[in-house]
Amino acid sequence: MTQYLISFDDGWMDFPDEELPDVARAANAVVEEARAAGAWVFGGGLESQRASVVATDGTITDGPYPETKEVLGGFAVVEVDSREEALEWAAKIAVACRCSQEVRELLPDPTV
């Protein structure tokens, strides 16, 4: 089986704040469905615009910076038999979260 990253940009969720409880319930229902199907690996939402960048020399800076155009808002990792199945999960997440989702295949672990 292959793992896929399903993610969305922080700015893609543009529904009114008062609808957040309904979106959260719908998203949690999809997570529970994916768990029951054995497809769920891990996922979650990310704090908006709160990140640190660790450079290759170990220097730590706060980020992202104003010139950053896209910031990851949340993600899910599913493990499924095909890209088509990953796209089906992404469609369910898109409906629940009311925003588009990006789907990318994760590279296989070379030690497994």
Protein backbone atom coordinates (compact mmCIF):
# COMPACT_ATOMS: atom_id res chain seq x y z
CA MET A 1 0.00 0.00 0.00
CA THR A 2 1.05 3.58 -0.62
CA GLN A 3 0.81 6.61 1.64
CA TYR A 4 -0.59 9.90 0.36
CA LEU A 5 -0.47 13.38 1.83
CA ILE A 6 -3.79 15.20 1.56
CA SER A 7 -3.37 18.86 2.47
CA PHE A 8 -4.77 22.33 2.09
CA ASP A 9 -3.52 25.90 2.16
CA ASP A 10 -4.36 27.92 5.27
CA GLY A 11 -6.22 30.50 3.15
CA TRP A 12 -8.48 27.98 1.43
CA MET A 13 -10.89 27.65 4.37
CA ASP A 14 -12.99 30.77 3.94
CA PHE A 15 -16.32 29.95 5.56
CA PRO A 16 -17.76 32.14 8.37
CA ASP A 17 -16.32 31.51 11.86
CA GLU A 18 -19.72 30.48 13.23
CA GLU A 19 -19.68 27.47 10.88
CA LEU A 20 -16.44 26.08 12.37
CA PRO A 21 -18.21 23.68 14.79
CA ASP A 22 -20.15 22.12 11.89
CA VAL A 23 -16.98 21.83 9.80
CA ALA A 24 -15.10 20.27 12.72
CA ARG A 25 -17.86 17.68 13.24
CA ALA A 26 -17.91 16.83 9.53
CA ALA A 27 -14.10 16.55 9.39
CA ASN A 28 -14.03 14.33 12.49
CA ALA A 29 -16.66 12.07 10.91
CA VAL A 30 -14.41 11.60 7.86
CA VAL A 31 -11.43 10.84 10.12
CA GLU A 32 -13.46 8.20 11.97
CA GLU A 33 -14.60 6.71 8.66
CA ALA A 34 -10.99 6.54 7.43
CA ARG A 35 -9.90 4.94 10.72
CA ALA A 36 -12.66 2.34 10.47
CA ALA A 37 -11.58 1.60 6.89
CA GLY A 38 -7.95 1.18 7.96
CA ALA A 39 -6.82 4.05 5.72
CA TRP A 40 -6.02 6.72 8.34
CA VAL A 41 -2.35 7.16 9.30
CA PHE A 42 -2.14 10.62 10.85
CA GLY A 43 -3.32 14.18 10.36
CA GLY A 44 -4.39 17.44 11.87
CA GLY A 45 -4.84 21.17 11.50
CA LEU A 46 -1.95 23.56 11.94
CA GLU A 47 -1.81 26.76 13.94
CA SER A 48 -2.20 29.65 11.53
CA GLN A 49 1.05 31.44 10.65
CA ARG A 50 3.03 30.02 13.60
CA ALA A 51 6.18 28.34 12.47
CA SER A 52 9.90 28.37 13.06
CA VAL A 53 12.53 27.72 10.42
CA VAL A 54 15.64 25.73 11.32
CA ALA A 55 18.45 26.31 8.82
CA THR A 56 21.04 23.70 7.87
CA ASP A 57 23.51 25.38 10.24
CA GLY A 58 21.06 25.07 13.15
CA THR A 59 20.04 28.74 13.15
CA ILE A 60 16.41 29.16 14.23
CA THR A 61 14.22 31.99 12.99
CA ASP A 62 10.53 32.69 13.30
CA GLY A 63 8.50 32.32 10.16
CA PRO A 64 6.81 32.20 7.80
CA TYR A 65 7.69 35.60 6.45
CA PRO A 66 5.32 38.12 4.82
CA GLU A 67 6.56 37.18 1.33
CA THR A 68 5.30 33.62 1.91
CA LYS A 69 2.31 33.16 -0.36
CA GLU A 70 1.09 29.76 0.83
CA VAL A 71 1.08 28.24 4.28
CA LEU A 72 -0.03 24.70 5.06
CA GLY A 73 -3.29 24.82 7.03
CA GLY A 74 -3.83 21.13 7.69
CA PHE A 75 -3.11 17.67 6.42
CA ALA A 76 -3.98 14.00 6.50
CA VAL A 77 -1.87 10.99 5.63
CA VAL A 78 -3.77 7.99 4.32
CA GLU A 79 -2.44 4.59 3.33
CA VAL A 80 -4.40 3.07 0.48
CA ASP A 81 -4.08 0.72 -2.49
CA SER A 82 -4.30 3.35 -5.24
CA ARG A 83 -4.15 7.03 -6.10
CA GLU A 84 -7.83 6.82 -7.00
CA GLU A 85 -8.64 5.73 -3.45
CA ALA A 86 -6.54 8.60 -2.07
CA LEU A 87 -8.50 10.98 -4.29
CA GLU A 88 -11.76 9.56 -2.92
CA TRP A 89 -10.61 10.32 0.65
CA ALA A 90 -9.48 13.79 -0.45
CA ALA A 91 -12.94 14.42 -1.92
CA LYS A 92 -14.58 13.47 1.40
CA ILE A 93 -12.19 15.75 3.27
CA ALA A 94 -12.83 18.58 0.79
CA VAL A 95 -16.58 18.35 1.35
CA ALA A 96 -16.21 18.18 5.14
CA CYS A 97 -13.67 21.01 5.39
CA ARG A 98 -15.32 23.08 2.65
CA CYS A 99 -12.05 23.66 0.83
CA SER A 100 -9.97 22.15 -1.95
CA GLN A 101 -7.37 19.52 -1.12
CA GLU A 102 -4.02 18.74 -2.68
CA VAL A 103 -3.00 15.07 -3.00
CA ARG A 104 0.63 13.95 -3.21
CA GLU A 105 2.16 10.49 -3.04
CA LEU A 106 4.77 10.03 -0.31
CA LEU A 107 8.01 8.39 -1.32
CA PRO A 108 8.34 4.84 -0.03
CA ASP A 109 10.53 4.13 2.99
CA PRO A 110 13.67 2.51 1.53
CA THR A 111 14.30 0.57 4.77
CA VAL A 112 11.01 -1.33 4.65
